[in-house]
């Protein structure tokens, strides 16, 4: 009798397991479906907003041109499509004054900082030999430390620096012409900006000059 009860119990247990199994599969497929749907929505939002984001960046760039290249007339700025040394297409800005004379460039740069990607625009003279200005379009560095890369005291160090030799970040008072003093407690963020400027100028210099001919 006990064997019969035990067999009946096992049989009922297996039956319950069989009944639950389809529910587990349904839940798993539901999670997969919702994940795929969420990912598709994110992609759609990104694609929908990408043009607006790029337009906002362009407007922000044009707004800063007079501060990046002294004497610039933004309405006369020309946007040039080039290919950098990395083989990727890019757009740089050829800057003119009110008389139509070519007086400089603005190169956009994008690179990894300490916390996230840093976006900058770099003002340069017509020969791409001297930095005339630097502006941080976007950054998410540590508040109270790395985010000071966007402030004038740090950015002003780049103005007047030669593009060669490459800029170098130091923790003590600069002694060489190519040295930039790091922000206190934010050496990595400071170096990220310096490296970004070096890489951007090297990547676009020759292609920009050639495109302007």
N, C-alpha and C. Protein backbone atom coordinates (compact mmCIF):
# COMPACT_ATOMS: atom_id res chain seq x y z
N UNK A 1 0.83 -1.21 0.00
CA UNK A 1 0.00 0.00 0.00
C UNK A 1 0.87 1.27 0.00
N UNK A 2 1.94 1.20 0.85
CA UNK A 2 2.85 2.36 0.92
C UNK A 2 3.55 2.58 -0.40
N UNK A 3 3.90 1.50 -1.11
CA UNK A 3 4.55 1.62 -2.40
C UNK A 3 3.62 2.29 -3.39
N UNK A 4 2.36 1.97 -3.30
CA UNK A 4 1.37 2.55 -4.21
C UNK A 4 1.24 4.05 -3.96
N UNK A 5 1.23 4.42 -2.65
CA UNK A 5 1.12 5.86 -2.31
C UNK A 5 2.35 6.61 -2.81
N UNK A 6 3.54 5.99 -2.60
CA UNK A 6 4.79 6.63 -3.03
C UNK A 6 4.83 6.81 -4.54
N UNK A 7 4.42 5.80 -5.29
CA UNK A 7 4.39 5.89 -6.74
C UNK A 7 3.42 6.97 -7.21
N UNK A 8 2.29 7.02 -6.49
CA UNK A 8 1.29 8.03 -6.85
C UNK A 8 1.85 9.43 -6.61
N UNK A 9 2.60 9.61 -5.49
CA UNK A 9 3.20 10.90 -5.16
C UNK A 9 4.21 11.32 -6.21
N UNK A 10 5.07 10.42 -6.62
CA UNK A 10 6.08 10.72 -7.64
C UNK A 10 5.41 11.10 -8.94
N UNK A 11 4.40 10.36 -9.28
CA UNK A 11 3.69 10.63 -10.53
C UNK A 11 3.06 12.01 -10.53
N UNK A 12 2.48 12.37 -9.38
CA UNK A 12 1.86 13.70 -9.27
C UNK A 12 2.91 14.79 -9.34
N UNK A 13 4.08 14.57 -8.72
CA UNK A 13 5.18 15.54 -8.75
C UNK A 13 5.66 15.77 -10.17
N UNK A 14 5.84 14.68 -10.90
CA UNK A 14 6.28 14.81 -12.29
C UNK A 14 5.25 15.55 -13.11
N UNK A 15 3.98 15.30 -12.79
CA UNK A 15 2.90 15.96 -13.52
C UNK A 15 2.93 17.46 -13.30
N UNK A 16 3.17 17.86 -12.02
CA UNK A 16 3.24 19.29 -11.70
C UNK A 16 4.42 19.94 -12.42
N UNK A 17 5.58 19.20 -12.46
CA UNK A 17 6.76 19.73 -13.15
C UNK A 17 6.49 19.94 -14.63
N UNK A 18 5.82 19.00 -15.22
CA UNK A 18 5.49 19.10 -16.64
C UNK A 18 4.55 20.27 -16.91
N UNK A 19 3.66 20.51 -15.93
CA UNK A 19 2.72 21.62 -16.11
C UNK A 19 3.41 22.97 -15.97
N UNK A 20 4.46 23.03 -15.11
CA UNK A 20 5.16 24.30 -14.89
C UNK A 20 6.14 24.62 -15.99
N UNK A 21 6.70 23.57 -16.61
CA UNK A 21 7.75 23.79 -17.59
C UNK A 21 7.35 24.74 -18.72
N UNK A 22 6.18 24.60 -19.31
CA UNK A 22 5.79 25.53 -20.37
C UNK A 22 5.75 26.98 -19.89
N UNK A 23 5.39 27.19 -18.60
CA UNK A 23 5.35 28.55 -18.06
C UNK A 23 6.74 29.15 -18.00
N UNK A 24 7.72 28.33 -17.59
CA UNK A 24 9.10 28.80 -17.55
C UNK A 24 9.58 29.20 -18.94
N UNK A 25 9.26 28.38 -19.92
CA UNK A 25 9.66 28.68 -21.30
C UNK A 25 9.00 29.96 -21.79
N UNK A 26 7.73 30.12 -21.43
CA UNK A 26 7.00 31.33 -21.84
C UNK A 26 7.63 32.57 -21.23
N UNK A 27 7.99 32.47 -19.95
CA UNK A 27 8.62 33.61 -19.28
C UNK A 27 9.97 33.94 -19.90
N UNK A 28 10.73 32.88 -20.23
CA UNK A 28 12.05 33.10 -20.84
C UNK A 28 11.91 33.79 -22.19
N UNK A 29 10.97 33.33 -23.00
CA UNK A 29 10.77 33.95 -24.31
C UNK A 29 10.25 35.39 -24.17
N UNK A 30 9.46 35.63 -23.13
CA UNK A 30 8.95 36.98 -22.89
C UNK A 30 10.08 37.94 -22.55
N UNK A 31 11.02 37.47 -21.71
CA UNK A 31 12.19 38.29 -21.35
C UNK A 31 13.02 38.60 -22.58
N UNK A 32 13.25 37.58 -23.42
CA UNK A 32 14.03 37.77 -24.65
C UNK A 32 13.34 38.77 -25.58
N UNK A 33 12.03 38.63 -25.71
CA UNK A 33 11.27 39.53 -26.59
C UNK A 33 11.33 40.96 -26.10
N UNK A 34 11.13 41.15 -24.78
CA UNK A 34 11.15 42.51 -24.22
C UNK A 34 12.53 43.14 -24.34
N UNK A 35 13.59 42.32 -24.16
CA UNK A 35 14.96 42.83 -24.29
C UNK A 35 15.23 43.29 -25.72
N UNK A 36 14.79 42.47 -26.69
CA UNK A 36 14.98 42.82 -28.11
C UNK A 36 14.18 44.07 -28.46
N UNK A 37 12.96 44.16 -27.93
CA UNK A 37 12.12 45.32 -28.19
C UNK A 37 12.74 46.59 -27.62
N UNK A 38 13.23 46.48 -26.39
CA UNK A 38 13.87 47.63 -25.74
C UNK A 38 15.10 48.08 -26.52
N UNK A 39 15.91 47.10 -26.97
CA UNK A 39 17.09 47.43 -27.76
C UNK A 39 16.72 48.10 -29.07
N UNK A 40 15.67 47.61 -29.72
CA UNK A 40 15.22 48.20 -30.99
C UNK A 40 14.74 49.63 -30.79
N UNK A 41 14.05 49.86 -29.67
CA UNK A 41 13.57 51.22 -29.37
C UNK A 41 14.74 52.17 -29.15
N UNK A 42 15.77 51.71 -28.43
CA UNK A 42 16.95 52.54 -28.19
C UNK A 42 17.64 52.91 -29.49
N UNK A 43 17.77 51.92 -30.37
CA UNK A 43 18.40 52.17 -31.67
C UNK A 43 17.58 53.18 -32.47
N UNK A 44 16.26 53.01 -32.46
CA UNK A 44 15.38 53.93 -33.19
C UNK A 44 15.48 55.34 -32.64
N UNK A 45 15.50 55.47 -31.31
CA UNK A 45 15.62 56.80 -30.70
C UNK A 45 16.95 57.44 -31.07
N UNK A 46 18.02 56.65 -31.01
CA UNK A 46 19.35 57.17 -31.34
C UNK A 46 19.41 57.64 -32.78
N UNK A 47 18.86 56.84 -33.69
CA UNK A 47 18.87 57.20 -35.11
C UNK A 47 17.99 58.42 -35.36
N UNK A 48 16.87 58.51 -34.64
CA UNK A 48 15.97 59.63 -34.82
C UNK A 48 16.57 60.94 -34.32
N UNK A 49 17.35 60.83 -33.24
CA UNK A 49 17.92 62.03 -32.63
C UNK A 49 19.30 62.38 -33.15
N UNK A 50 19.95 61.46 -33.87
CA UNK A 50 21.33 61.68 -34.30
C UNK A 50 21.49 62.95 -35.13
N UNK A 51 20.55 63.19 -36.05
CA UNK A 51 20.63 64.40 -36.87
C UNK A 51 20.50 65.65 -36.02
N UNK A 52 19.59 65.61 -35.06
CA UNK A 52 19.39 66.76 -34.18
C UNK A 52 20.61 66.99 -33.31
N UNK A 53 21.19 65.90 -32.81
CA UNK A 53 22.39 66.00 -31.99
C UNK A 53 23.53 66.62 -32.78
N UNK A 54 23.72 66.15 -34.02
CA UNK A 54 24.79 66.68 -34.87
C UNK A 54 24.55 68.15 -35.19
N UNK A 55 23.28 68.52 -35.42
CA UNK A 55 22.95 69.91 -35.72
C UNK A 55 23.26 70.80 -34.51
N UNK A 56 22.96 70.30 -33.32
CA UNK A 56 23.24 71.06 -32.10
C UNK A 56 24.74 71.25 -31.91
N UNK A 57 25.51 70.19 -32.20
CA UNK A 57 26.97 70.29 -32.08
C UNK A 57 27.53 71.31 -33.07
N UNK A 58 26.98 71.28 -34.28
CA UNK A 58 27.44 72.22 -35.30
C UNK A 58 27.12 73.66 -34.90
N UNK A 59 25.93 73.88 -34.38
CA UNK A 59 25.55 75.22 -33.93
C UNK A 59 26.44 75.69 -32.79
N UNK A 60 26.73 74.77 -31.87
CA UNK A 60 27.59 75.11 -30.74
C UNK A 60 29.00 75.44 -31.23
N UNK A 61 29.46 74.71 -32.23
CA UNK A 61 30.79 74.97 -32.80
C UNK A 61 30.85 76.35 -33.43
N UNK A 62 29.86 76.67 -34.25
CA UNK A 62 29.85 77.97 -34.92
C UNK A 62 29.77 79.11 -33.90
N UNK A 63 29.06 78.88 -32.82
CA UNK A 63 28.92 79.91 -31.79
C UNK A 63 30.27 80.21 -31.12
N UNK A 64 31.16 79.21 -31.08
CA UNK A 64 32.45 79.38 -30.41
C UNK A 64 33.57 79.83 -31.34
N UNK A 65 33.34 79.83 -32.63
CA UNK A 65 34.40 80.16 -33.58
C UNK A 65 35.09 81.49 -33.30
N UNK A 66 34.36 82.58 -33.02
CA UNK A 66 35.04 83.85 -32.74
C UNK A 66 35.98 83.80 -31.54
N UNK A 67 35.67 82.95 -30.56
CA UNK A 67 36.54 82.85 -29.39
C UNK A 67 37.70 81.89 -29.63
N UNK A 68 37.58 81.03 -30.63
CA UNK A 68 38.63 80.06 -30.93
C UNK A 68 39.66 80.61 -31.90
N UNK A 69 39.21 81.44 -32.83
CA UNK A 69 40.12 82.04 -33.82
C UNK A 69 39.85 83.55 -33.84
N UNK A 70 40.79 84.32 -33.34
CA UNK A 70 40.62 85.77 -33.23
C UNK A 70 40.44 86.40 -34.61
N UNK A 71 39.41 87.24 -34.75
CA UNK A 71 39.14 87.92 -36.01
C UNK A 71 38.25 87.13 -36.94
N UNK A 72 37.75 85.99 -36.49
CA UNK A 72 36.93 85.13 -37.35
C UNK A 72 35.56 85.73 -37.61
N UNK A 73 35.07 85.50 -38.83
CA UNK A 73 33.72 85.88 -39.21
C UNK A 73 32.95 84.57 -39.45
N UNK A 74 32.14 84.14 -38.47
CA UNK A 74 31.47 82.83 -38.56
C UNK A 74 30.67 82.62 -39.84
N UNK A 75 30.07 83.68 -40.36
CA UNK A 75 29.23 83.53 -41.56
C UNK A 75 30.04 83.14 -42.78
N UNK A 76 31.35 83.37 -42.74
CA UNK A 76 32.20 83.03 -43.87
C UNK A 76 32.92 81.68 -43.69
N UNK A 77 32.67 81.04 -42.57
CA UNK A 77 33.30 79.75 -42.31
C UNK A 77 32.86 78.69 -43.31
N UNK A 78 33.80 77.89 -43.76
CA UNK A 78 33.49 76.81 -44.71
C UNK A 78 33.73 75.46 -44.05
N UNK A 79 32.77 74.57 -44.21
CA UNK A 79 32.89 73.22 -43.69
C UNK A 79 33.47 72.32 -44.77
N UNK A 80 34.56 71.65 -44.46
CA UNK A 80 35.23 70.81 -45.45
C UNK A 80 35.16 69.34 -45.04
N UNK A 81 34.84 68.48 -46.00
CA UNK A 81 34.84 67.04 -45.77
C UNK A 81 36.22 66.50 -46.10
N UNK A 82 36.84 65.83 -45.13
CA UNK A 82 38.18 65.29 -45.33
C UNK A 82 38.24 63.85 -44.83
N UNK A 83 39.36 63.21 -45.07
CA UNK A 83 39.62 61.88 -44.52
C UNK A 83 40.90 61.96 -43.70
N UNK A 84 40.78 61.62 -42.42
CA UNK A 84 41.93 61.72 -41.53
C UNK A 84 42.94 60.61 -41.77
N UNK A 85 44.02 60.67 -41.05
CA UNK A 85 45.06 59.64 -41.19
C UNK A 85 44.57 58.28 -40.71
N UNK A 86 43.46 58.27 -39.98
CA UNK A 86 42.89 56.99 -39.53
C UNK A 86 42.00 56.36 -40.58
N UNK A 87 41.86 57.06 -41.74
CA UNK A 87 41.05 56.53 -42.83
C UNK A 87 39.56 56.81 -42.69
N UNK A 88 39.18 57.53 -41.65
CA UNK A 88 37.76 57.80 -41.41
C UNK A 88 37.39 59.20 -41.91
N UNK A 89 36.18 59.34 -42.48
CA UNK A 89 35.73 60.66 -42.94
C UNK A 89 35.47 61.58 -41.76
N UNK A 90 35.71 62.87 -41.97
CA UNK A 90 35.50 63.85 -40.90
C UNK A 90 35.20 65.20 -41.54
N UNK A 91 34.76 66.12 -40.72
CA UNK A 91 34.48 67.48 -41.18
C UNK A 91 35.23 68.48 -40.31
N UNK A 92 35.94 69.37 -40.95
CA UNK A 92 36.66 70.42 -40.25
C UNK A 92 36.16 71.76 -40.77
N UNK A 93 36.52 72.83 -40.07
CA UNK A 93 36.01 74.15 -40.43
C UNK A 93 37.15 75.10 -40.79
N UNK A 94 37.09 75.61 -42.02
CA UNK A 94 38.08 76.58 -42.48
C UNK A 94 37.55 77.97 -42.15
N UNK A 95 38.32 78.73 -41.40
CA UNK A 95 37.84 80.00 -40.85
C UNK A 95 38.42 81.19 -41.62
N UNK A 96 37.55 82.16 -41.90
CA UNK A 96 37.93 83.37 -42.62
C UNK A 96 37.57 84.60 -41.79
N UNK A 97 38.24 85.72 -42.11
CA UNK A 97 37.87 86.97 -41.46
C UNK A 97 36.84 87.71 -42.32
N UNK A 98 36.47 88.90 -41.91
CA UNK A 98 35.43 89.65 -42.60
C UNK A 98 35.83 90.01 -44.03
N UNK A 99 37.14 90.08 -44.31
CA UNK A 99 37.62 90.41 -45.65
C UNK A 99 37.75 89.17 -46.54
N UNK A 100 37.44 88.01 -45.99
CA UNK A 100 37.51 86.78 -46.79
C UNK A 100 38.87 86.12 -46.78
N UNK A 101 39.75 86.57 -45.91
CA UNK A 101 41.08 85.96 -45.83
C UNK A 101 41.05 84.75 -44.89
N UNK A 102 41.71 83.68 -45.32
CA UNK A 102 41.78 82.48 -44.49
C UNK A 102 42.71 82.73 -43.33
N UNK A 103 42.16 82.66 -42.10
CA UNK A 103 42.98 82.97 -40.93
C UNK A 103 43.11 81.80 -39.94
N UNK A 104 42.38 80.73 -40.17
CA UNK A 104 42.52 79.64 -39.21
C UNK A 104 41.64 78.44 -39.48
N UNK A 105 41.63 77.55 -38.49
CA UNK A 105 40.86 76.31 -38.58
C UNK A 105 40.19 76.01 -37.25
N UNK A 106 39.15 75.20 -37.32
CA UNK A 106 38.56 74.62 -36.11
C UNK A 106 38.41 73.12 -36.38
N UNK A 107 39.09 72.32 -35.55
CA UNK A 107 39.03 70.87 -35.67
C UNK A 107 38.21 70.30 -34.51
N UNK A 108 37.25 69.43 -34.79
CA UNK A 108 36.52 68.76 -33.70
C UNK A 108 37.27 67.51 -33.27
N UNK A 109 37.30 67.25 -31.97
CA UNK A 109 37.99 66.07 -31.45
C UNK A 109 37.13 65.31 -30.46
N UNK A 110 37.28 64.00 -30.46
CA UNK A 110 36.49 63.13 -29.59
C UNK A 110 37.40 62.05 -29.04
N UNK A 111 37.43 61.89 -27.71
CA UNK A 111 38.29 60.87 -27.13
C UNK A 111 37.86 60.48 -25.73
N UNK A 112 38.41 59.41 -25.23
CA UNK A 112 38.04 58.88 -23.93
C UNK A 112 38.69 59.66 -22.79
N UNK A 113 37.88 60.08 -21.83
CA UNK A 113 38.39 60.73 -20.65
C UNK A 113 38.48 59.75 -19.50
N UNK A 114 38.48 60.25 -18.26
CA UNK A 114 38.53 59.38 -17.10
C UNK A 114 37.20 58.67 -16.88
N UNK A 115 36.09 59.42 -17.04
CA UNK A 115 34.76 58.87 -16.77
C UNK A 115 33.99 58.51 -18.03
N UNK A 116 34.18 59.29 -19.07
CA UNK A 116 33.40 59.08 -20.29
C UNK A 116 34.09 59.79 -21.44
N UNK A 117 33.42 59.84 -22.58
CA UNK A 117 33.98 60.48 -23.76
C UNK A 117 34.00 62.00 -23.59
N UNK A 118 35.07 62.61 -24.06
CA UNK A 118 35.22 64.07 -24.04
C UNK A 118 35.16 64.58 -25.47
N UNK A 119 34.38 65.63 -25.69
CA UNK A 119 34.25 66.24 -27.02
C UNK A 119 34.78 67.67 -26.96
N UNK A 120 35.72 67.98 -27.84
CA UNK A 120 36.32 69.32 -27.86
C UNK A 120 36.33 69.89 -29.28
N UNK A 121 36.52 71.19 -29.37
CA UNK A 121 36.81 71.84 -30.65
C UNK A 121 38.08 72.67 -30.44
N UNK A 122 38.96 72.60 -31.41
CA UNK A 122 40.29 73.20 -31.29
C UNK A 122 40.47 74.29 -32.35
N UNK A 123 40.82 75.49 -31.91
CA UNK A 123 41.12 76.57 -32.84
C UNK A 123 42.59 76.55 -33.21
N UNK A 124 42.89 76.78 -34.49
CA UNK A 124 44.27 76.74 -34.98
C UNK A 124 44.51 77.85 -35.98
N UNK A 125 45.76 78.23 -36.14
CA UNK A 125 46.07 79.24 -37.16
C UNK A 125 46.00 78.60 -38.55
N UNK A 126 46.15 79.41 -39.57
CA UNK A 126 45.97 78.95 -40.95
C UNK A 126 46.96 77.86 -41.34
N UNK A 127 48.13 77.86 -40.74
CA UNK A 127 49.16 76.87 -41.07
C UNK A 127 49.11 75.64 -40.16
N UNK A 128 48.17 75.63 -39.24
CA UNK A 128 48.02 74.54 -38.26
C UNK A 128 49.32 74.35 -37.47
N UNK A 129 49.94 75.45 -37.15
CA UNK A 129 51.19 75.39 -36.38
C UNK A 129 51.01 75.87 -34.94
N UNK A 130 49.93 76.63 -34.71
CA UNK A 130 49.71 77.19 -33.38
C UNK A 130 48.25 77.02 -32.95
N UNK A 131 48.05 76.63 -31.70
CA UNK A 131 46.71 76.51 -31.14
C UNK A 131 46.22 77.89 -30.74
N UNK A 132 45.06 78.27 -31.23
CA UNK A 132 44.51 79.60 -30.93
C UNK A 132 43.34 79.56 -29.95
N UNK A 133 42.84 78.38 -29.65
CA UNK A 133 41.73 78.28 -28.71
C UNK A 133 41.32 76.84 -28.49
N UNK A 134 40.65 76.60 -27.38
CA UNK A 134 40.15 75.26 -27.05
C UNK A 134 38.84 75.40 -26.30
N UNK A 135 37.85 74.60 -26.71
CA UNK A 135 36.55 74.63 -26.04
C UNK A 135 36.07 73.20 -25.84
N UNK A 136 35.54 72.91 -24.66
CA UNK A 136 35.03 71.57 -24.36
C UNK A 136 33.52 71.57 -24.60
N UNK A 137 33.11 70.86 -25.64
CA UNK A 137 31.69 70.79 -25.98
C UNK A 137 30.92 69.89 -25.03
N UNK A 138 31.53 68.79 -24.62
CA UNK A 138 30.83 67.84 -23.77
C UNK A 138 31.82 67.03 -22.95
N UNK A 139 31.48 66.80 -21.69
CA UNK A 139 32.32 66.00 -20.81
C UNK A 139 31.49 65.52 -19.63
N UNK A 140 31.90 64.41 -19.05
CA UNK A 140 31.22 63.86 -17.88
C UNK A 140 32.26 63.44 -16.84
N UNK A 141 33.29 64.26 -16.71
CA UNK A 141 34.35 63.95 -15.76
C UNK A 141 33.88 64.21 -14.32
N UNK A 142 34.66 63.76 -13.37
CA UNK A 142 34.29 63.84 -11.95
C UNK A 142 34.01 65.27 -11.52
N UNK A 143 32.81 65.55 -10.99
CA UNK A 143 32.48 66.90 -10.51
C UNK A 143 33.46 67.37 -9.43
N UNK A 144 33.88 68.61 -9.55
CA UNK A 144 34.80 69.16 -8.56
C UNK A 144 36.25 68.81 -8.79
N UNK A 145 36.52 67.98 -9.81
CA UNK A 145 37.89 67.59 -10.13
C UNK A 145 38.10 67.65 -11.64
N UNK A 146 37.80 66.53 -12.32
CA UNK A 146 38.02 66.46 -13.76
C UNK A 146 37.16 67.38 -14.58
N UNK A 147 35.98 67.76 -14.07
CA UNK A 147 35.11 68.62 -14.87
C UNK A 147 35.67 70.03 -15.03
N UNK A 148 36.74 70.35 -14.30
CA UNK A 148 37.38 71.66 -14.46
C UNK A 148 38.11 71.80 -15.79
N UNK A 149 38.17 70.71 -16.57
CA UNK A 149 38.79 70.81 -17.90
C UNK A 149 38.00 71.77 -18.79
N UNK A 150 36.74 72.01 -18.45
CA UNK A 150 35.92 72.89 -19.28
C UNK A 150 36.08 74.36 -18.90
N UNK A 151 36.79 74.63 -17.80
CA UNK A 151 36.93 76.00 -17.34
C UNK A 151 38.10 76.72 -17.99
N UNK A 152 37.99 78.04 -18.03
CA UNK A 152 38.99 78.88 -18.71
C UNK A 152 40.42 78.73 -18.17
N UNK A 153 40.62 78.68 -16.86
CA UNK A 153 42.01 78.57 -16.39
C UNK A 153 42.77 77.39 -16.98
N UNK A 154 42.10 76.26 -17.13
CA UNK A 154 42.77 75.10 -17.73
C UNK A 154 42.88 75.26 -19.24
N UNK A 155 41.80 75.62 -19.90
CA UNK A 155 41.79 75.70 -21.36
C UNK A 155 42.74 76.77 -21.89
N UNK A 156 42.89 77.85 -21.14
CA UNK A 156 43.74 78.95 -21.61
C UNK A 156 45.20 78.55 -21.73
N UNK A 157 45.59 77.48 -21.04
CA UNK A 157 46.98 77.03 -21.15
C UNK A 157 47.35 76.58 -22.56
N UNK A 158 46.35 76.16 -23.32
CA UNK A 158 46.61 75.64 -24.66
C UNK A 158 46.80 76.75 -25.69
N UNK A 159 46.27 77.93 -25.40
CA UNK A 159 46.32 79.03 -26.36
C UNK A 159 47.76 79.50 -26.55
N UNK A 160 48.19 79.56 -27.80
CA UNK A 160 49.53 80.00 -28.13
C UNK A 160 50.55 78.87 -28.18
N UNK A 161 50.14 77.66 -27.80
CA UNK A 161 51.07 76.53 -27.84
C UNK A 161 51.27 76.07 -29.29
N UNK A 162 52.50 75.68 -29.61
CA UNK A 162 52.80 75.12 -30.93
C UNK A 162 52.23 73.71 -31.01
N UNK A 163 51.85 73.31 -32.20
CA UNK A 163 51.30 71.96 -32.39
C UNK A 163 52.39 70.89 -32.43
N UNK A 164 53.63 71.33 -32.63
CA UNK A 164 54.78 70.42 -32.53
C UNK A 164 55.88 71.12 -31.74
N UNK A 165 56.54 70.43 -30.82
CA UNK A 165 56.33 69.02 -30.46
C UNK A 165 55.00 68.82 -29.74
N UNK A 166 54.60 67.57 -29.55
CA UNK A 166 53.33 67.25 -28.91
C UNK A 166 53.26 67.82 -27.50
N UNK A 167 52.05 68.16 -27.09
CA UNK A 167 51.84 68.68 -25.75
C UNK A 167 52.04 67.57 -24.72
N UNK A 168 52.51 67.96 -23.54
CA UNK A 168 52.74 67.00 -22.46
C UNK A 168 52.18 67.58 -21.17
N UNK A 169 51.53 66.75 -20.37
CA UNK A 169 50.95 67.19 -19.10
C UNK A 169 51.93 66.93 -17.96
N UNK A 170 52.11 67.93 -17.09
CA UNK A 170 53.02 67.80 -15.95
C UNK A 170 52.27 68.16 -14.67
N UNK A 171 52.76 67.64 -13.54
CA UNK A 171 52.10 67.88 -12.25
C UNK A 171 52.68 69.07 -11.50
N UNK A 172 53.83 69.55 -11.94
CA UNK A 172 54.45 70.73 -11.31
C UNK A 172 54.50 71.87 -12.33
N UNK A 173 54.91 73.01 -11.91
CA UNK A 173 54.92 74.18 -12.78
C UNK A 173 55.66 73.90 -14.09
N UNK A 174 55.00 74.15 -15.24
CA UNK A 174 55.63 73.88 -16.54
C UNK A 174 56.91 74.68 -16.73
N UNK A 175 57.89 74.02 -17.35
CA UNK A 175 59.15 74.70 -17.64
C UNK A 175 59.43 74.69 -19.15
N UNK A 176 58.81 73.76 -19.86
CA UNK A 176 59.00 73.69 -21.32
C UNK A 176 57.78 74.29 -22.02
N UNK A 177 57.99 74.75 -23.23
CA UNK A 177 56.93 75.43 -23.99
C UNK A 177 55.74 74.51 -24.29
N UNK A 178 55.98 73.23 -24.37
CA UNK A 178 54.91 72.31 -24.75
C UNK A 178 54.20 71.67 -23.55
N UNK A 179 54.47 72.15 -22.36
CA UNK A 179 53.92 71.53 -21.15
C UNK A 179 52.63 72.20 -20.69
N UNK A 180 51.71 71.36 -20.20
CA UNK A 180 50.42 71.81 -19.68
C UNK A 180 50.32 71.35 -18.22
N UNK A 181 49.97 72.26 -17.32
CA UNK A 181 49.86 71.92 -15.91
C UNK A 181 48.56 71.16 -15.65
N UNK A 182 48.67 69.97 -15.07
CA UNK A 182 47.51 69.14 -14.79
C UNK A 182 46.64 69.76 -13.70
N UNK A 183 45.36 69.49 -13.78
CA UNK A 183 44.45 69.91 -12.72
C UNK A 183 44.74 69.09 -11.47
N UNK A 184 44.68 69.72 -10.32
CA UNK A 184 44.93 69.01 -9.06
C UNK A 184 43.90 67.90 -8.86
N UNK A 185 44.38 66.68 -8.67
CA UNK A 185 43.50 65.54 -8.46
C UNK A 185 42.82 65.03 -9.72
N UNK A 186 43.21 65.55 -10.86
CA UNK A 186 42.57 65.14 -12.12
C UNK A 186 43.61 65.03 -13.24
N UNK A 187 44.71 64.38 -12.94
CA UNK A 187 45.78 64.23 -13.94
C UNK A 187 45.30 63.45 -15.16
N UNK A 188 44.50 62.42 -14.93
CA UNK A 188 44.03 61.59 -16.05
C UNK A 188 43.15 62.40 -16.99
N UNK A 189 42.23 63.18 -16.44
CA UNK A 189 41.36 64.02 -17.27
C UNK A 189 42.18 65.06 -18.03
N UNK A 190 43.15 65.64 -17.35
CA UNK A 190 44.01 66.65 -17.99
C UNK A 190 44.79 66.05 -19.15
N UNK A 191 45.35 64.88 -18.90
CA UNK A 191 46.14 64.20 -19.94
C UNK A 191 45.23 63.77 -21.09
N UNK A 192 43.99 63.38 -20.78
CA UNK A 192 43.06 62.97 -21.82
C UNK A 192 42.81 64.11 -22.80
N UNK A 193 42.66 65.33 -22.29
CA UNK A 193 42.44 66.49 -23.16
C UNK A 193 43.69 66.78 -23.98
N UNK A 194 44.84 66.76 -23.33
CA UNK A 194 46.10 67.02 -24.03
C UNK A 194 46.34 66.01 -25.14
N UNK A 195 46.13 64.74 -24.83
CA UNK A 195 46.31 63.68 -25.82
C UNK A 195 45.30 63.83 -26.96
N UNK A 196 44.10 64.25 -26.61
CA UNK A 196 43.05 64.44 -27.61
C UNK A 196 43.42 65.56 -28.58
N UNK A 197 43.97 66.64 -28.05
CA UNK A 197 44.41 67.74 -28.90
C UNK A 197 45.54 67.27 -29.83
N UNK A 198 46.53 66.60 -29.26
CA UNK A 198 47.65 66.09 -30.07
C UNK A 198 47.17 65.18 -31.19
N UNK A 199 46.30 64.23 -30.85
CA UNK A 199 45.83 63.24 -31.82
C UNK A 199 44.97 63.88 -32.90
N UNK A 200 44.11 64.81 -32.51
CA UNK A 200 43.21 65.45 -33.47
C UNK A 200 43.98 66.29 -34.49
N UNK A 201 44.92 67.06 -34.01
CA UNK A 201 45.73 67.90 -34.91
C UNK A 201 46.53 67.02 -35.86
N UNK A 202 47.16 65.99 -35.35
CA UNK A 202 47.96 65.09 -36.20
C UNK A 202 47.08 64.38 -37.22
N UNK A 203 45.86 64.04 -36.83
CA UNK A 203 44.96 63.28 -37.70
C UNK A 203 44.45 64.11 -38.87
N UNK A 204 44.19 65.39 -38.64
CA UNK A 204 43.53 66.21 -39.66
C UNK A 204 44.40 67.26 -40.34
N UNK A 205 45.57 67.53 -39.80
CA UNK A 205 46.40 68.62 -40.31
C UNK A 205 46.63 68.56 -41.82
N UNK A 206 47.24 67.52 -42.30
CA UNK A 206 47.62 67.43 -43.72
C UNK A 206 46.40 67.39 -44.63
N UNK A 207 45.36 66.66 -44.23
CA UNK A 207 44.17 66.54 -45.06
C UNK A 207 43.44 67.88 -45.16
N UNK A 208 43.41 68.64 -44.07
CA UNK A 208 42.75 69.95 -44.09
C UNK A 208 43.49 70.93 -44.99
N UNK A 209 44.79 70.97 -44.87
CA UNK A 209 45.59 71.87 -45.70
C UNK A 209 45.45 71.52 -47.18
N UNK A 210 45.43 70.23 -47.48
CA UNK A 210 45.28 69.80 -48.86
C UNK A 210 43.90 70.16 -49.39
N UNK A 211 42.86 70.00 -48.57
CA UNK A 211 41.49 70.30 -49.00
C UNK A 211 41.28 71.79 -49.24
N UNK A 212 42.08 72.61 -48.60
CA UNK A 212 41.92 74.07 -48.72
C UNK A 212 42.60 74.62 -49.97
N UNK A 213 43.38 73.81 -50.65
CA UNK A 213 44.13 74.31 -51.82
C UNK A 213 43.19 74.56 -53.01
